[in-house]
Amino acid sequence: HLTNITDTHIDGEVLPLRPGVLLARD
């Protein structure tokens, strides 16, 4: 799936911690 939320690395913007829970920048 394509997304465009930042320039390169997505793991500085959003990370899945377990099924059903994301950690994301504001």
PDB file of all heavy atoms in Angstrom:
ATOM      1  N   HIS A   1       0.847  -1.191   0.000  1.00  0.00           N
ATOM      2  CA  HIS A   1       0.000   0.000   0.000  1.00  0.00           C
ATOM      3  C   HIS A   1       0.887   1.248   0.000  1.00  0.00           C
ATOM      4  O   HIS A   1       1.790   1.369   0.825  1.00  0.00           O
ATOM      5  CB  HIS A   1      -0.889   0.049   1.245  1.00  0.00           C
ATOM      6  CG  HIS A   1      -1.678  -1.205   1.492  1.00  0.00           C
ATOM      7  ND1 HIS A   1      -2.999  -1.338   1.119  1.00  0.00           N
ATOM      8  CD2 HIS A   1      -1.325  -2.392   2.077  1.00  0.00           C
ATOM      9  CE1 HIS A   1      -3.429  -2.546   1.473  1.00  0.00           C
ATOM     10  NE2 HIS A   1      -2.431  -3.199   2.055  1.00  0.00           N
ATOM     11  N   LEU A   2       0.631   2.179  -0.901  1.00  0.00           N
ATOM     12  CA  LEU A   2       1.387   3.422  -0.941  1.00  0.00           C
ATOM     13  C   LEU A   2       0.763   4.464  -0.026  1.00  0.00           C
ATOM     14  O   LEU A   2      -0.462   4.594   0.068  1.00  0.00           O
ATOM     15  CB  LEU A   2       1.427   3.979  -2.363  1.00  0.00           C
ATOM     16  CG  LEU A   2       2.363   3.290  -3.370  1.00  0.00           C
ATOM     17  CD1 LEU A   2       2.255   3.983  -4.716  1.00  0.00           C
ATOM     18  CD2 LEU A   2       3.793   3.306  -2.873  1.00  0.00           C
ATOM     19  N   THR A   3       1.626   5.225   0.658  1.00  0.00           N
ATOM     20  CA  THR A   3       1.195   6.404   1.390  1.00  0.00           C
ATOM     21  C   THR A   3       2.270   7.462   1.213  1.00  0.00           C
ATOM     22  O   THR A   3       3.369   7.171   0.736  1.00  0.00           O
ATOM     23  CB  THR A   3       0.961   6.104   2.881  1.00  0.00           C
ATOM     24  OG1 THR A   3       0.371   7.249   3.507  1.00  0.00           O
ATOM     25  CG2 THR A   3       2.271   5.781   3.600  1.00  0.00           C
ATOM     26  N   ASN A   4       1.954   8.691   1.568  1.00  0.00           N
ATOM     27  CA  ASN A   4       2.919   9.787   1.465  1.00  0.00           C
ATOM     28  C   ASN A   4       2.711  10.717   2.650  1.00  0.00           C
ATOM     29  O   ASN A   4       2.027  11.723   2.564  1.00  0.00           O
ATOM     30  CB  ASN A   4       2.747  10.539   0.148  1.00  0.00           C
ATOM     31  CG  ASN A   4       3.801  11.618  -0.050  1.00  0.00           C
ATOM     32  OD1 ASN A   4       4.738  11.739   0.743  1.00  0.00           O
ATOM     33  ND2 ASN A   4       3.644  12.424  -1.091  1.00  0.00           N
ATOM     34  N   ILE A   5       3.311  10.346   3.788  1.00  0.00           N
ATOM     35  CA  ILE A   5       3.146  11.145   4.999  1.00  0.00           C
ATOM     36  C   ILE A   5       4.436  11.832   5.416  1.00  0.00           C
ATOM     37  O   ILE A   5       4.424  12.639   6.348  1.00  0.00           O
ATOM     38  CB  ILE A   5       2.610  10.291   6.167  1.00  0.00           C
ATOM     39  CG1 ILE A   5       3.572   9.140   6.505  1.00  0.00           C
ATOM     40  CG2 ILE A   5       1.225   9.757   5.857  1.00  0.00           C
ATOM     41  CD1 ILE A   5       3.163   8.364   7.738  1.00  0.00           C
ATOM     42  N   THR A   6       5.541  11.522   4.737  1.00  0.00           N
ATOM     43  CA  THR A   6       6.818  12.154   5.072  1.00  0.00           C
ATOM     44  C   THR A   6       7.754  12.011   3.878  1.00  0.00           C
ATOM     45  O   THR A   6       7.370  11.454   2.847  1.00  0.00           O
ATOM     46  CB  THR A   6       7.425  11.525   6.345  1.00  0.00           C
ATOM     47  OG1 THR A   6       8.582  12.267   6.752  1.00  0.00           O
ATOM     48  CG2 THR A   6       7.802  10.071   6.119  1.00  0.00           C
ATOM     49  N   ASP A   7       8.986  12.506   4.017  1.00  0.00           N
ATOM     50  CA  ASP A   7       9.908  12.461   2.877  1.00  0.00           C
ATOM     51  C   ASP A   7      10.419  11.055   2.619  1.00  0.00           C
ATOM     52  O   ASP A   7      10.426  10.581   1.487  1.00  0.00           O
ATOM     53  CB  ASP A   7      11.059  13.447   3.078  1.00  0.00           C
ATOM     54  CG  ASP A   7      11.808  13.238   4.393  1.00  0.00           C
ATOM     55  OD1 ASP A   7      11.276  12.542   5.278  1.00  0.00           O
ATOM     56  OD2 ASP A   7      12.917  13.789   4.543  1.00  0.00           O
ATOM     57  N   THR A   8      10.860  10.357   3.674  1.00  0.00           N
ATOM     58  CA  THR A   8      11.420   9.015   3.463  1.00  0.00           C
ATOM     59  C   THR A   8      10.898   8.022   4.499  1.00  0.00           C
ATOM     60  O   THR A   8       9.931   7.328   4.275  1.00  0.00           O
ATOM     61  CB  THR A   8      12.969   9.046   3.477  1.00  0.00           C
ATOM     62  OG1 THR A   8      13.421   9.705   4.670  1.00  0.00           O
ATOM     63  CG2 THR A   8      13.512   9.770   2.252  1.00  0.00           C
ATOM     64  N   HIS A   9      11.532   7.974   5.672  1.00  0.00           N
ATOM     65  CA  HIS A   9      11.307   6.881   6.615  1.00  0.00           C
ATOM     66  C   HIS A   9      10.002   7.046   7.378  1.00  0.00           C
ATOM     67  O   HIS A   9       9.792   8.034   8.095  1.00  0.00           O
ATOM     68  CB  HIS A   9      12.476   6.798   7.600  1.00  0.00           C
ATOM     69  CG  HIS A   9      13.769   6.426   6.948  1.00  0.00           C
ATOM     70  ND1 HIS A   9      14.967   6.409   7.618  1.00  0.00           N
ATOM     71  CD2 HIS A   9      14.049   6.043   5.666  1.00  0.00           C
ATOM     72  CE1 HIS A   9      15.939   6.056   6.786  1.00  0.00           C
ATOM     73  NE2 HIS A   9      15.400   5.822   5.595  1.00  0.00           N
ATOM     74  N   ILE A  10       9.173   6.035   7.291  1.00  0.00           N
ATOM     75  CA  ILE A  10       7.868   6.085   7.947  1.00  0.00           C
ATOM     76  C   ILE A  10       7.981   5.845   9.448  1.00  0.00           C
ATOM     77  O   ILE A  10       7.115   6.258  10.222  1.00  0.00           O
ATOM     78  CB  ILE A  10       6.906   5.065   7.298  1.00  0.00           C
ATOM     79  CG1 ILE A  10       5.448   5.370   7.682  1.00  0.00           C
ATOM     80  CG2 ILE A  10       7.300   3.628   7.645  1.00  0.00           C
ATOM     81  CD1 ILE A  10       4.432   4.567   6.883  1.00  0.00           C
ATOM     82  N   ASP A  11       9.080   5.179   9.893  1.00  0.00           N
ATOM     83  CA  ASP A  11       9.173   4.816  11.308  1.00  0.00           C
ATOM     84  C   ASP A  11       9.528   5.994  12.211  1.00  0.00           C
ATOM     85  O   ASP A  11       9.612   5.829  13.428  1.00  0.00           O
ATOM     86  CB  ASP A  11      10.146   3.657  11.525  1.00  0.00           C
ATOM     87  CG  ASP A  11      11.572   3.968  11.102  1.00  0.00           C
ATOM     88  OD1 ASP A  11      11.787   4.994  10.427  1.00  0.00           O
ATOM     89  OD2 ASP A  11      12.473   3.172  11.435  1.00  0.00           O
ATOM     90  N   GLY A  12       9.724   7.180  11.636  1.00  0.00           N
ATOM     91  CA  GLY A  12       9.835   8.391  12.436  1.00  0.00           C
ATOM     92  C   GLY A  12       8.522   9.133  12.538  1.00  0.00           C
ATOM     93  O   GLY A  12       8.441  10.192  13.173  1.00  0.00           O
ATOM     94  N   GLU A  13       7.472   8.568  11.910  1.00  0.00           N
ATOM     95  CA  GLU A  13       6.152   9.208  11.886  1.00  0.00           C
ATOM     96  C   GLU A  13       5.074   8.336  12.509  1.00  0.00           C
ATOM     97  O   GLU A  13       4.214   8.828  13.237  1.00  0.00           O
ATOM     98  CB  GLU A  13       5.761   9.521  10.433  1.00  0.00           C
ATOM     99  CG  GLU A  13       6.745  10.392   9.686  1.00  0.00           C
ATOM    100  CD  GLU A  13       6.769  11.818  10.192  1.00  0.00           C
ATOM    101  OE1 GLU A  13       5.697  12.330  10.549  1.00  0.00           O
ATOM    102  OE2 GLU A  13       7.858  12.429  10.207  1.00  0.00           O
ATOM    103  N   VAL A  14       5.110   7.043  12.209  1.00  0.00           N
ATOM    104  CA  VAL A  14       4.095   6.129  12.737  1.00  0.00           C
ATOM    105  C   VAL A  14       4.698   4.740  12.853  1.00  0.00           C
ATOM    106  O   VAL A  14       5.475   4.314  11.997  1.00  0.00           O
ATOM    107  CB  VAL A  14       2.839   6.124  11.831  1.00  0.00           C
ATOM    108  CG1 VAL A  14       3.180   5.729  10.413  1.00  0.00           C
ATOM    109  CG2 VAL A  14       1.746   5.221  12.387  1.00  0.00           C
ATOM    110  N   LEU A  15       4.365   4.042  13.954  1.00  0.00           N
ATOM    111  CA  LEU A  15       4.824   2.678  14.194  1.00  0.00           C
ATOM    112  C   LEU A  15       3.670   1.859  14.763  1.00  0.00           C
ATOM    113  O   LEU A  15       2.978   2.314  15.681  1.00  0.00           O
ATOM    114  CB  LEU A  15       5.980   2.668  15.201  1.00  0.00           C
ATOM    115  CG  LEU A  15       7.395   2.916  14.674  1.00  0.00           C
ATOM    116  CD1 LEU A  15       8.361   3.116  15.837  1.00  0.00           C
ATOM    117  CD2 LEU A  15       7.851   1.748  13.809  1.00  0.00           C
ATOM    118  N   PRO A  16       3.457   0.648  14.266  1.00  0.00           N
ATOM    119  CA  PRO A  16       2.471  -0.235  14.889  1.00  0.00           C
ATOM    120  C   PRO A  16       3.103  -0.923  16.100  1.00  0.00           C
ATOM    121  O   PRO A  16       4.206  -1.456  16.011  1.00  0.00           O
ATOM    122  CB  PRO A  16       2.153  -1.237  13.782  1.00  0.00           C
ATOM    123  CG  PRO A  16       3.410  -1.303  12.968  1.00  0.00           C
ATOM    124  CD  PRO A  16       4.071   0.043  13.067  1.00  0.00           C
ATOM    125  N   LEU A  17       2.416  -0.902  17.234  1.00  0.00           N
ATOM    126  CA  LEU A  17       2.943  -1.499  18.463  1.00  0.00           C
ATOM    127  C   LEU A  17       2.382  -2.878  18.729  1.00  0.00           C
ATOM    128  O   LEU A  17       3.013  -3.693  19.399  1.00  0.00           O
ATOM    129  CB  LEU A  17       2.655  -0.575  19.650  1.00  0.00           C
ATOM    130  CG  LEU A  17       3.253   0.839  19.556  1.00  0.00           C
ATOM    131  CD1 LEU A  17       2.902   1.643  20.810  1.00  0.00           C
ATOM    132  CD2 LEU A  17       4.757   0.781  19.360  1.00  0.00           C
ATOM    133  N   ARG A  18       1.188  -3.128  18.251  1.00  0.00           N
ATOM    134  CA  ARG A  18       0.557  -4.448  18.276  1.00  0.00           C
ATOM    135  C   ARG A  18      -0.712  -4.324  17.451  1.00  0.00           C
ATOM    136  O   ARG A  18      -1.124  -3.204  17.091  1.00  0.00           O
ATOM    137  CB  ARG A  18       0.254  -4.907  19.710  1.00  0.00           C
ATOM    138  CG  ARG A  18      -0.761  -4.087  20.469  1.00  0.00           C
ATOM    139  CD  ARG A  18      -1.015  -4.683  21.851  1.00  0.00           C
ATOM    140  NE  ARG A  18      -1.883  -3.841  22.663  1.00  0.00           N
ATOM    141  CZ  ARG A  18      -1.636  -3.528  23.924  1.00  0.00           C
ATOM    142  NH1 ARG A  18      -0.558  -3.985  24.526  1.00  0.00           N
ATOM    143  NH2 ARG A  18      -2.473  -2.767  24.592  1.00  0.00           N
ATOM    144  N   PRO A  19      -1.377  -5.429  17.114  1.00  0.00           N
ATOM    145  CA  PRO A  19      -2.598  -5.314  16.315  1.00  0.00           C
ATOM    146  C   PRO A  19      -3.615  -4.399  16.993  1.00  0.00           C
ATOM    147  O   PRO A  19      -3.970  -4.587  18.153  1.00  0.00           O
ATOM    148  CB  PRO A  19      -3.108  -6.761  16.250  1.00  0.00           C
ATOM    149  CG  PRO A  19      -1.884  -7.595  16.421  1.00  0.00           C
ATOM    150  CD  PRO A  19      -1.019  -6.832  17.383  1.00  0.00           C
ATOM    151  N   GLY A  20      -4.023  -3.364  16.283  1.00  0.00           N
ATOM    152  CA  GLY A  20      -5.024  -2.444  16.801  1.00  0.00           C
ATOM    153  C   GLY A  20      -4.478  -1.202  17.454  1.00  0.00           C
ATOM    154  O   GLY A  20      -5.264  -0.321  17.839  1.00  0.00           O
ATOM    155  N   VAL A  21      -3.145  -1.046  17.564  1.00  0.00           N
ATOM    156  CA  VAL A  21      -2.573   0.122  18.237  1.00  0.00           C
ATOM    157  C   VAL A  21      -1.408   0.675  17.429  1.00  0.00           C
ATOM    158  O   VAL A  21      -0.461  -0.052  17.094  1.00  0.00           O
ATOM    159  CB  VAL A  21      -2.078  -0.206  19.663  1.00  0.00           C
ATOM    160  CG1 VAL A  21      -1.525   1.060  20.337  1.00  0.00           C
ATOM    161  CG2 VAL A  21      -3.200  -0.801  20.502  1.00  0.00           C
ATOM    162  N   LEU A  22      -1.475   1.984  17.136  1.00  0.00           N
ATOM    163  CA  LEU A  22      -0.407   2.691  16.448  1.00  0.00           C
ATOM    164  C   LEU A  22       0.168   3.769  17.359  1.00  0.00           C
ATOM    165  O   LEU A  22      -0.547   4.363  18.182  1.00  0.00           O
ATOM    166  CB  LEU A  22      -0.931   3.386  15.184  1.00  0.00           C
ATOM    167  CG  LEU A  22      -1.511   2.526  14.066  1.00  0.00           C
ATOM    168  CD1 LEU A  22      -2.148   3.425  13.001  1.00  0.00           C
ATOM    169  CD2 LEU A  22      -0.440   1.655  13.439  1.00  0.00           C
ATOM    170  N   LEU A  23       1.449   4.048  17.204  1.00  0.00           N
ATOM    171  CA  LEU A  23       2.089   5.222  17.791  1.00  0.00           C
ATOM    172  C   LEU A  23       2.366   6.177  16.643  1.00  0.00           C
ATOM    173  O   LEU A  23       2.971   5.788  15.635  1.00  0.00           O
ATOM    174  CB  LEU A  23       3.389   4.829  18.483  1.00  0.00           C
ATOM    175  CG  LEU A  23       4.272   5.974  19.012  1.00  0.00           C
ATOM    176  CD1 LEU A  23       3.559   6.752  20.107  1.00  0.00           C
ATOM    177  CD2 LEU A  23       5.615   5.435  19.512  1.00  0.00           C
ATOM    178  N   ALA A  24       1.923   7.445  16.770  1.00  0.00           N
ATOM    179  CA  ALA A  24       2.064   8.379  15.651  1.00  0.00           C
ATOM    180  C   ALA A  24       2.386   9.785  16.149  1.00  0.00           C
ATOM    181  O   ALA A  24       1.961  10.187  17.244  1.00  0.00           O
ATOM    182  CB  ALA A  24       0.783   8.409  14.814  1.00  0.00           C
ATOM    183  N   ARG A  25       3.143  10.511  15.348  1.00  0.00           N
ATOM    184  CA  ARG A  25       3.376  11.926  15.620  1.00  0.00           C
ATOM    185  C   ARG A  25       2.057  12.678  15.562  1.00  0.00           C
ATOM    186  O   ARG A  25       1.116  12.277  14.862  1.00  0.00           O
ATOM    187  CB  ARG A  25       4.338  12.524  14.598  1.00  0.00           C
ATOM    188  CG  ARG A  25       5.779  12.160  14.790  1.00  0.00           C
ATOM    189  CD  ARG A  25       6.673  12.856  13.784  1.00  0.00           C
ATOM    190  NE  ARG A  25       6.611  14.312  13.881  1.00  0.00           N
ATOM    191  CZ  ARG A  25       7.449  15.127  13.238  1.00  0.00           C
ATOM    192  NH1 ARG A  25       8.375  14.624  12.434  1.00  0.00           N
ATOM    193  NH2 ARG A  25       7.343  16.429  13.388  1.00  0.00           N
ATOM    194  N   ASP A  26       2.021  13.804  16.248  1.00  0.00           N
ATOM    195  CA  ASP A  26       0.778  14.570  16.270  1.00  0.00           C
ATOM    196  C   ASP A  26       0.436  15.167  14.902  1.00  0.00           C
ATOM    197  O   ASP A  26      -0.713  15.529  14.638  1.00  0.00           O
ATOM    198  CB  ASP A  26       0.856  15.681  17.323  1.00  0.00           C
ATOM    199  CG  ASP A  26       2.035  16.618  17.114  1.00  0.00           C
ATOM    200  OD1 ASP A  26       2.879  16.312  16.258  1.00  0.00           O
ATOM    201  OD2 ASP A  26       2.106  17.650  17.808  1.00  0.00           O
TER     202      ASP A  26
END
